[in-house]
C-alpha atoms as a PDB file:
ATOM      1  CA  MET A   1       0.111   0.034   0.059  1.00  0.00           C
ATOM      2  CA  GLY A   2       1.282   3.509  -0.872  1.00  0.00           C
ATOM      3  CA  ASP A   3       0.266   6.761   0.456  1.00  0.00           C
ATOM      4  CA  VAL A   4      -3.332   6.955   1.842  1.00  0.00           C
ATOM      5  CA  LEU A   5      -6.089   9.505   2.039  1.00  0.00           C
ATOM      6  CA  ARG A   6      -7.777   9.076   5.548  1.00  0.00           C
ATOM      7  CA  ASP A   7     -11.230  10.509   5.157  1.00  0.00           C
ATOM      8  CA  ASP A   8     -12.161  11.978   1.835  1.00  0.00           C
ATOM      9  CA  LYS A   9     -15.789  12.362   2.643  1.00  0.00           C
ATOM     10  CA  ASP A  10     -14.937  14.336   5.820  1.00  0.00           C
ATOM     11  CA  LYS A  11     -12.827  17.100   4.328  1.00  0.00           C
ATOM     12  CA  ALA A  12     -13.819  20.556   5.981  1.00  0.00           C
ATOM     13  CA  VAL A  13     -14.507  23.395   3.817  1.00  0.00           C
ATOM     14  CA  ASP A  14     -15.478  26.833   4.953  1.00  0.00           C
ATOM     15  CA  ILE A  15     -14.294  29.755   2.894  1.00  0.00           C
ATOM     16  CA  ASN A  16     -15.292  32.153   5.745  1.00  0.00           C
ATOM     17  CA  TYR A  17     -12.337  30.655   7.699  1.00  0.00           C
ATOM     18  CA  GLY A  18      -9.994  29.004   5.236  1.00  0.00           C
ATOM     19  CA  LEU A  19      -8.219  29.675   1.968  1.00  0.00           C
ATOM     20  CA  TYR A  20      -7.572  27.234  -0.859  1.00  0.00           C
ATOM     21  CA  LYS A  21      -3.821  26.565  -1.688  1.00  0.00           C
ATOM     22  CA  GLU A  22      -3.989  28.698  -4.929  1.00  0.00           C
ATOM     23  CA  ASN A  23      -5.431  31.705  -3.049  1.00  0.00           C
ATOM     24  CA  ILE A  24      -2.401  31.201  -0.429  1.00  0.00           C
ATOM     25  CA  LYS A  25       0.046  30.975  -3.326  1.00  0.00           C
ATOM     26  CA  ARG A  26      -1.263  34.410  -4.843  1.00  0.00           C
ATOM     27  CA  GLU A  27      -0.736  35.975  -1.379  1.00  0.00           C
ATOM     28  CA  ILE A  28       2.716  34.639  -1.140  1.00  0.00           C
ATOM     29  CA  ASP A  29       3.547  36.052  -4.757  1.00  0.00           C
ATOM     30  CA  LYS A  30       2.191  39.453  -3.755  1.00  0.00           C
ATOM     31  CA  GLY A  31       4.783  39.543  -0.774  1.00  0.00           C
ATOM     32  CA  LYS A  32       2.251  39.145   1.981  1.00  0.00           C
ATOM     33  CA  ASP A  33       3.817  38.404   5.309  1.00  0.00           C
ATOM     34  CA  ILE A  34       2.510  34.780   5.848  1.00  0.00           C
ATOM     35  CA  TYR A  35       3.355  32.401   8.587  1.00  0.00           C
ATOM     36  CA  PHE A  36       2.661  28.829   8.379  1.00  0.00           C
ATOM     37  CA  LEU A  37       1.618  26.867  11.697  1.00  0.00           C
ATOM     38  CA  ASP A  38       1.463  22.968  11.586  1.00  0.00           C
ATOM     39  CA  ILE A  39      -1.088  21.796  14.188  1.00  0.00           C
ATOM     40  CA  ARG A  40      -0.763  18.102  13.584  1.00  0.00           C
ATOM     41  CA  GLU A  41       0.894  15.632  15.842  1.00  0.00           C
ATOM     42  CA  LYS A  42       4.597  15.915  16.104  1.00  0.00           C
ATOM     43  CA  GLU A  43       5.201  12.519  14.268  1.00  0.00           C
ATOM     44  CA  GLU A  44       3.289  14.023  11.104  1.00  0.00           C
ATOM     45  CA  PHE A  45       5.266  17.199  11.187  1.00  0.00           C
ATOM     46  CA  GLU A  46       8.670  15.398  11.553  1.00  0.00           C
ATOM     47  CA  VAL A  47       8.008  13.407   8.393  1.00  0.00           C
ATOM     48  CA  GLY A  48       7.010  16.321   6.318  1.00  0.00           C
ATOM     49  CA  HIS A  49       5.774  19.981   6.511  1.00  0.00           C
ATOM     50  CA  ILE A  50       5.466  23.156   4.641  1.00  0.00           C
ATOM     51  CA  ILE A  51       8.974  24.620   4.632  1.00  0.00           C
ATOM     52  CA  GLY A  52       9.509  27.461   7.179  1.00  0.00           C
ATOM     53  CA  SER A  53       6.439  26.452   9.179  1.00  0.00           C
ATOM     54  CA  GLU A  54       6.311  26.280  13.109  1.00  0.00           C
ATOM     55  CA  HIS A  55       4.763  23.428  14.937  1.00  0.00           C
ATOM     56  CA  LYS A  56       2.224  23.372  17.794  1.00  0.00           C
ATOM     57  CA  LYS A  57      -0.315  20.671  18.143  1.00  0.00           C
ATOM     58  CA  TYR A  58      -3.974  21.581  17.830  1.00  0.00           C
ATOM     59  CA  ALA A  59      -4.972  20.865  21.455  1.00  0.00           C
ATOM     60  CA  ASP A  60      -1.953  23.006  22.813  1.00  0.00           C
ATOM     61  CA  ILE A  61      -3.258  26.306  21.091  1.00  0.00           C
ATOM     62  CA  GLU A  62      -5.414  27.961  23.783  1.00  0.00           C
ATOM     63  CA  GLU A  63      -5.360  31.654  23.064  1.00  0.00           C
ATOM     64  CA  VAL A  64      -4.375  34.319  20.415  1.00  0.00           C
ATOM     65  CA  ASP A  65      -1.239  35.190  22.397  1.00  0.00           C
ATOM     66  CA  ASP A  66       0.133  31.674  21.457  1.00  0.00           C
ATOM     67  CA  PHE A  67       0.369  32.941  17.884  1.00  0.00           C
ATOM     68  CA  ARG A  68       2.286  35.977  18.798  1.00  0.00           C
ATOM     69  CA  GLU A  69       4.708  34.015  20.916  1.00  0.00           C
ATOM     70  CA  ILE A  70       5.304  31.166  18.309  1.00  0.00           C
ATOM     71  CA  PHE A  71       6.120  33.623  15.440  1.00  0.00           C
ATOM     72  CA  SER A  72       7.718  36.358  17.949  1.00  0.00           C
ATOM     73  CA  LEU A  73       5.225  38.978  16.694  1.00  0.00           C
ATOM     74  CA  ASN A  74       4.417  42.325  18.223  1.00  0.00           C
ATOM     75  CA  ASP A  75       0.809  43.525  18.302  1.00  0.00           C
ATOM     76  CA  ASP A  76       1.267  45.575  15.070  1.00  0.00           C
ATOM     77  CA  SER A  77       3.198  42.714  13.232  1.00  0.00           C
ATOM     78  CA  PHE A  78       0.628  40.178  14.217  1.00  0.00           C
ATOM     79  CA  LEU A  79      -2.298  42.221  12.753  1.00  0.00           C
ATOM     80  CA  LYS A  80      -0.614  42.978   9.479  1.00  0.00           C
ATOM     81  CA  SER A  81       0.383  39.232   9.131  1.00  0.00           C
ATOM     82  CA  LEU A  82      -1.451  36.322   7.643  1.00  0.00           C
ATOM     83  CA  ILE A  83      -1.258  33.201   9.683  1.00  0.00           C
ATOM     84  CA  ILE A  84      -2.227  29.872   8.135  1.00  0.00           C
ATOM     85  CA  VAL A  85      -2.762  26.958  10.120  1.00  0.00           C
ATOM     86  CA  TYR A  86      -2.903  23.493   8.676  1.00  0.00           C
ATOM     87  CA  CYS A  87      -3.467  19.845   9.500  1.00  0.00           C
ATOM     88  CA  HIS A  88      -3.923  16.697   7.591  1.00  0.00           C
ATOM     89  CA  ASP A  89      -7.338  17.116   5.994  1.00  0.00           C
ATOM     90  CA  GLY A  90      -8.596  20.577   7.164  1.00  0.00           C
ATOM     91  CA  ASN A  91     -10.842  19.486  10.163  1.00  0.00           C
ATOM     92  CA  ARG A  92      -8.532  20.584  12.766  1.00  0.00           C
ATOM     93  CA  GLY A  93      -7.533  23.757  10.849  1.00  0.00           C
ATOM     94  CA  LEU A  94     -11.221  24.664  10.470  1.00  0.00           C
ATOM     95  CA  ALA A  95     -11.901  23.961  14.144  1.00  0.00           C
ATOM     96  CA  LEU A  96      -9.066  26.332  15.234  1.00  0.00           C
ATOM     97  CA  SER A  97      -9.792  29.043  12.937  1.00  0.00           C
ATOM     98  CA  ARG A  98     -13.445  29.068  14.116  1.00  0.00           C
ATOM     99  CA  LYS A  99     -12.298  29.204  17.643  1.00  0.00           C
ATOM    100  CA  PHE A 100     -10.347  32.528  17.218  1.00  0.00           C
ATOM    101  CA  SER A 101     -12.543  33.897  14.341  1.00  0.00           C
ATOM    102  CA  MET A 102      -9.937  36.492  13.064  1.00  0.00           C
ATOM    103  CA  GLU A 103      -9.414  37.791   9.669  1.00  0.00           C
ATOM    104  CA  ASN A 104      -5.739  37.032   9.723  1.00  0.00           C
ATOM    105  CA  ILE A 105      -6.042  33.593  11.126  1.00  0.00           C
ATOM    106  CA  LYS A 106      -7.100  31.120   8.203  1.00  0.00           C
ATOM    107  CA  TYR A 107      -6.668  27.489   7.713  1.00  0.00           C
ATOM    108  CA  LEU A 108      -5.402  25.570   4.528  1.00  0.00           C
ATOM    109  CA  ILE A 109      -8.664  24.088   3.114  1.00  0.00           C
ATOM    110  CA  GLY A 110      -8.045  20.401   2.467  1.00  0.00           C
ATOM    111  CA  GLY A 111      -4.964  20.323   4.718  1.00  0.00           C
ATOM    112  CA  VAL A 112      -1.690  18.940   3.511  1.00  0.00           C
ATOM    113  CA  GLU A 113      -3.462  16.383   1.467  1.00  0.00           C
ATOM    114  CA  ALA A 114      -4.272  19.292  -0.745  1.00  0.00           C
ATOM    115  CA  LEU A 115      -0.629  19.647  -1.482  1.00  0.00           C
ATOM    116  CA  TYR A 116      -0.036  16.317  -2.880  1.00  0.00           C
ATOM    117  CA  ASN A 117       1.490  16.882  -6.452  1.00  0.00           C
ATOM    118  CA  TYR A 118       1.209  20.572  -6.064  1.00  0.00           C
ATOM    119  CA  ASN A 119       4.385  22.766  -6.395  1.00  0.00           C
ATOM    120  CA  GLY A 120       2.927  26.132  -5.492  1.00  0.00           C
ATOM    121  CA  ILE A 121       3.784  25.869  -1.794  1.00  0.00           C
ATOM    122  CA  GLN A 122       7.220  24.461  -0.851  1.00  0.00           C
ATOM    123  CA  TYR A 123       6.844  21.272   1.167  1.00  0.00           C
ATOM    124  CA  THR A 124       9.617  18.737   2.530  1.00  0.00           C
ATOM    125  CA  GLY A 125       8.728  15.067   2.754  1.00  0.00           C
ATOM    126  CA  SER A 126       5.341  13.657   1.775  1.00  0.00           C
ATOM    127  CA  PRO A 127       1.943  15.506   2.339  1.00  0.00           C
ATOM    128  CA  LEU A 128       0.573  11.837   2.956  1.00  0.00           C
ATOM    129  CA  SER A 129       2.426  11.091   6.041  1.00  0.00           C
ATOM    130  CA  ASP A 130       0.774   7.829   7.105  1.00  0.00           C
ATOM    131  CA  ALA A 131       2.844   5.224   5.525  1.00  0.00           C
ATOM    132  CA  ALA A 132       6.016   7.458   6.515  1.00  0.00           C
ATOM    133  CA  ILE A 133       5.207   7.284   9.961  1.00  0.00           C
ATOM    134  CA  PHE A 134       4.332   3.605  10.090  1.00  0.00           C
ATOM    135  CA  ASP A 135       5.014   0.765   7.715  1.00  0.00           C
ATOM    136  CA  LYS A 136       2.993   0.157   4.568  1.00  0.00           C
ATOM    137  CA  LYS A 137       0.689  -2.264   6.258  1.00  0.00           C
ATOM    138  CA  TYR A 138      -0.271  -0.087   9.139  1.00  0.00           C
ATOM    139  CA  GLN A 139      -3.963   0.080   8.240  1.00  0.00           C
ATOM    140  CA  TYR A 140      -4.465  -3.617   8.774  1.00  0.00           C
ATOM    141  CA  LYS A 141      -1.417  -4.633  11.054  1.00  0.00           C
ATOM    142  CA  PHE A 142      -3.327  -4.642  14.327  1.00  0.00           C
ATOM    143  CA  GLN A 143      -6.891  -4.884  13.119  1.00  0.00           C
ATOM    144  CA  ALA A 144      -8.956  -7.923  14.635  1.00  0.00           C
ATOM    145  CA  LEU A 145     -12.401  -9.116  14.598  1.00  0.00           C
ATOM    146  CA  ALA A 146     -14.515  -7.922  17.683  1.00  0.00           C
ATOM    147  CA  LYS A 147     -15.203 -11.542  18.644  1.00  0.00           C
ATOM    148  CA  GLU A 148     -11.728 -12.364  18.959  1.00  0.00           C
ATOM    149  CA  THR A 149     -11.635  -9.956  22.067  1.00  0.00           C
ATOM    150  CA  PHE A 150     -14.791 -11.097  23.767  1.00  0.00           C
ATOM    151  CA  GLN A 151     -13.194 -13.602  26.094  1.00  0.00           C
ATOM    152  CA  ALA A 152     -10.441 -11.148  27.241  1.00  0.00           C
ATOM    153  CA  ILE A 153     -13.086  -8.517  28.089  1.00  0.00           C
ATOM    154  CA  LYS A 154     -15.216 -10.973  30.001  1.00  0.00           C
ATOM    155  CA  GLU A 155     -12.250 -12.158  32.113  1.00  0.00           C
ATOM    156  CA  ASN A 156     -10.981  -8.818  32.823  1.00  0.00           C
ATOM    157  CA  GLU A 157      -7.676  -9.398  30.800  1.00  0.00           C
ATOM    158  CA  ALA A 158      -8.180  -6.309  28.543  1.00  0.00           C
ATOM    159  CA  PHE A 159      -7.850  -2.603  28.841  1.00  0.00           C
ATOM    160  CA  ILE A 160     -10.222  -0.835  26.512  1.00  0.00           C
ATOM    161  CA  ILE A 161      -9.450   2.318  24.831  1.00  0.00           C
ATOM    162  CA  ASP A 162     -12.401   3.992  22.955  1.00  0.00           C
ATOM    163  CA  MET A 163     -11.146   6.336  20.221  1.00  0.00           C
ATOM    164  CA  ARG A 164     -14.502   7.355  18.674  1.00  0.00           C
ATOM    165  CA  TYR A 165     -15.862  10.881  19.135  1.00  0.00           C
ATOM    166  CA  PRO A 166     -16.736  11.719  22.821  1.00  0.00           C
ATOM    167  CA  PRO A 167     -20.653  11.937  22.072  1.00  0.00           C
ATOM    168  CA  ASN A 168     -20.622   8.431  20.746  1.00  0.00           C
ATOM    169  CA  TYR A 169     -18.734   7.281  23.794  1.00  0.00           C
ATOM    170  CA  HIS A 170     -21.021   8.973  26.230  1.00  0.00           C
ATOM    171  CA  GLU A 171     -24.008   7.490  24.462  1.00  0.00           C
ATOM    172  CA  LYS A 172     -22.780   3.888  24.712  1.00  0.00           C
ATOM    173  CA  HIS A 173     -19.419   2.349  25.599  1.00  0.00           C
ATOM    174  CA  ILE A 174     -18.106  -0.888  26.967  1.00  0.00           C
ATOM    175  CA  LYS A 175     -18.169  -0.737  30.830  1.00  0.00           C
ATOM    176  CA  GLY A 176     -14.808   0.118  32.161  1.00  0.00           C
ATOM    177  CA  SER A 177     -13.414   1.574  28.866  1.00  0.00           C
ATOM    178  CA  ILE A 178     -11.779   4.887  28.734  1.00  0.00           C
ATOM    179  CA  SER A 179     -12.416   7.497  26.143  1.00  0.00           C
ATOM    180  CA  LEU A 180      -9.132   8.714  24.600  1.00  0.00           C
ATOM    181  CA  LYS A 181      -9.414  11.076  21.468  1.00  0.00           C
ATOM    182  CA  LEU A 182      -5.885  11.509  20.898  1.00  0.00           C
ATOM    183  CA  ASN A 183      -6.005  14.619  18.776  1.00  0.00           C
ATOM    184  CA  LEU A 184      -8.140  16.506  21.242  1.00  0.00           C
ATOM    185  CA  LEU A 185      -5.767  15.944  24.170  1.00  0.00           C
ATOM    186  CA  SER A 186      -3.345  18.805  25.058  1.00  0.00           C
ATOM    187  CA  THR A 187       0.139  17.525  25.782  1.00  0.00           C
ATOM    188  CA  GLU A 188      -0.529  17.862  29.610  1.00  0.00           C
ATOM    189  CA  GLU A 189      -3.760  15.992  29.371  1.00  0.00           C
ATOM    190  CA  TYR A 190      -1.977  13.254  27.248  1.00  0.00           C
ATOM    191  CA  ASN A 191       0.947  12.819  29.690  1.00  0.00           C
ATOM    192  CA  LYS A 192      -1.506  12.503  32.671  1.00  0.00           C
ATOM    193  CA  MET A 193      -3.609   9.772  30.873  1.00  0.00           C
ATOM    194  CA  LEU A 194      -0.910   7.528  29.478  1.00  0.00           C
ATOM    195  CA  PRO A 195       0.248   6.158  32.796  1.00  0.00           C
ATOM    196  CA  ILE A 196      -3.233   4.766  33.496  1.00  0.00           C
ATOM    197  CA  ILE A 197      -2.931   2.314  30.554  1.00  0.00           C
ATOM    198  CA  ILE A 198      -2.344  -1.134  31.995  1.00  0.00           C
ATOM    199  CA  LYS A 199       0.996  -2.621  30.650  1.00  0.00           C
ATOM    200  CA  ASN A 200       0.262  -6.274  31.500  1.00  0.00           C
ATOM    201  CA  LYS A 201      -3.097  -6.483  29.756  1.00  0.00           C
ATOM    202  CA  LYS A 202      -4.309  -6.762  26.207  1.00  0.00           C
ATOM    203  CA  ILE A 203      -4.982  -3.416  24.809  1.00  0.00           C
ATOM    204  CA  ILE A 204      -8.219  -3.131  22.659  1.00  0.00           C
ATOM    205  CA  ILE A 205      -8.577   0.071  20.910  1.00  0.00           C
ATOM    206  CA  ILE A 206     -12.115   0.860  19.225  1.00  0.00           C
ATOM    207  CA  ALA A 207     -12.197   3.165  16.265  1.00  0.00           C
ATOM    208  CA  LYS A 208     -14.895   4.006  13.841  1.00  0.00           C
ATOM    209  CA  LYS A 209     -13.495   6.250  11.162  1.00  0.00           C
ATOM    210  CA  TYR A 210     -10.175   6.173   9.210  1.00  0.00           C
ATOM    211  CA  SER A 211      -8.769   9.005  11.064  1.00  0.00           C
ATOM    212  CA  GLU A 212      -9.223   7.207  14.244  1.00  0.00           C
ATOM    213  CA  LEU A 213      -7.491   4.327  12.814  1.00  0.00           C
ATOM    214  CA  PHE A 214      -4.721   6.663  12.306  1.00  0.00           C
ATOM    215  CA  TYR A 215      -4.593   7.728  15.819  1.00  0.00           C
ATOM    216  CA  ALA A 216      -4.963   4.123  17.102  1.00  0.00           C
ATOM    217  CA  ASN A 217      -1.725   3.331  15.329  1.00  0.00           C
ATOM    218  CA  LEU A 218      -0.097   6.418  16.560  1.00  0.00           C
ATOM    219  CA  LEU A 219      -0.917   5.644  20.112  1.00  0.00           C
ATOM    220  CA  ILE A 220       0.325   2.051  19.544  1.00  0.00           C
ATOM    221  CA  LEU A 221       3.588   3.421  18.053  1.00  0.00           C
ATOM    222  CA  ARG A 222       4.072   5.669  21.244  1.00  0.00           C
ATOM    223  CA  LEU A 223       3.295   3.052  23.619  1.00  0.00           C
ATOM    224  CA  GLU A 224       5.892   0.595  22.224  1.00  0.00           C
ATOM    225  CA  ARG A 225       8.457   3.309  21.643  1.00  0.00           C
ATOM    226  CA  ASP A 226       8.056   5.191  25.021  1.00  0.00           C
ATOM    227  CA  TYR A 227       6.626   2.509  27.431  1.00  0.00           C
ATOM    228  CA  GLY A 228       7.747  -0.858  26.085  1.00  0.00           C
ATOM    229  CA  PHE A 229       4.477  -2.305  25.082  1.00  0.00           C
ATOM    230  CA  LYS A 230       4.656  -5.246  22.492  1.00  0.00           C
ATOM    231  CA  ASP A 231       2.978  -5.776  19.213  1.00  0.00           C
ATOM    232  CA  ASN A 232       1.083  -8.831  20.416  1.00  0.00           C
ATOM    233  CA  GLN A 233      -0.756  -6.947  23.066  1.00  0.00           C
ATOM    234  CA  PHE A 234      -2.739  -4.766  20.663  1.00  0.00           C
ATOM    235  CA  TYR A 235      -6.140  -5.275  18.814  1.00  0.00           C
ATOM    236  CA  ILE A 236      -7.754  -2.501  16.842  1.00  0.00           C
ATOM    237  CA  ILE A 237     -11.359  -3.063  16.489  1.00  0.00           C
ATOM    238  CA  PHE A 238     -12.359  -0.982  13.470  1.00  0.00           C
ATOM    239  CA  ASN A 239     -16.030  -0.051  12.710  1.00  0.00           C
ATOM    240  CA  GLN A 240     -17.524  -3.154  14.604  1.00  0.00           C
ATOM    241  CA  PHE A 241     -18.660  -1.591  17.808  1.00  0.00           C
ATOM    242  CA  GLU A 242     -22.037  -2.944  17.509  1.00  0.00           C
ATOM    243  CA  GLU A 243     -20.448  -6.480  17.402  1.00  0.00           C
ATOM    244  CA  PHE A 244     -19.784  -6.333  21.148  1.00  0.00           C
ATOM    245  CA  GLY A 245     -23.533  -6.323  21.779  1.00  0.00           C
ATOM    246  CA  LYS A 246     -23.805  -9.754  20.344  1.00  0.00           C
ATOM    247  CA  ASP A 247     -22.384 -11.140  23.620  1.00  0.00           C
ATOM    248  CA  SER A 248     -24.769 -10.749  26.400  1.00  0.00           C
ATOM    249  CA  LYS A 249     -22.057 -10.991  29.158  1.00  0.00           C
ATOM    250  CA  ILE A 250     -20.400  -7.911  27.878  1.00  0.00           C
ATOM    251  CA  GLU A 251     -21.642  -4.907  29.970  1.00  0.00           C
ATOM    252  CA  PHE A 252     -22.248  -1.500  28.510  1.00  0.00           C
ATOM    253  CA  GLU A 253     -22.666   2.169  30.097  1.00  0.00           C
ATOM    254  CA  GLY A 254     -23.861   5.358  28.697  1.00  0.00           C
ATOM    255  CA  SER A 255     -26.861   7.672  28.207  1.00  0.00           C
ATOM    256  CA  LEU A 256     -28.468   5.360  25.866  1.00  0.00           C
ATOM    257  CA  VAL A 257     -28.056   2.083  27.901  1.00  0.00           C
ATOM    258  CA  LYS A 258     -31.210   1.181  29.766  1.00  0.00           C
END
């Protein structure tokens, strides 16, 4: 498998808060003071990014002063500049631009995926970072059938991480599982949460979308690299959450659970 598009159908487009790559190129050609901020995870930035950009992950950007600090801008320089935030597909970029809702803070519509085979904005590495971070089989390497994990769940031999969107988790989740939406955690929140993952159990990660599949693999990479977890501990259950309901002994919690 080569480079992969994660979620074509979910690309975020809002021209009130974003600019297409061609519009950004025109602003560069006109000599506009443009600053690029990569708000993806550090591993994504390390394998490829817009040349000259700075990095700070989405969930760590809390206030407008963060932009001034990152680019060492005074108030006047900040207001005269155009800051382009970018992520993989535009979703995090749009969310951040909406959060601040300022004329000089825009996101790259389509994210770095939009720069694939485009030479108008200089980029180092591949805009499609997935295969560069992992190996080419990463989308399938840890995937398993939900039924393969039933016994471990019932015998309390599994630690369950639910990576679906928090509203889905709060509606219904396996009893005892934790909600961990990696891209929504600040570095501080992430560092506090990681130590609660139990190393001597099987790690079951529930994901629904391809973007969540990416974060599941990223979490596995970090747990193995930084905490000594092993390949054979992990099971990614992708788009199979309802299958757990077929075993009457697996308990659920949530607002929709009677």
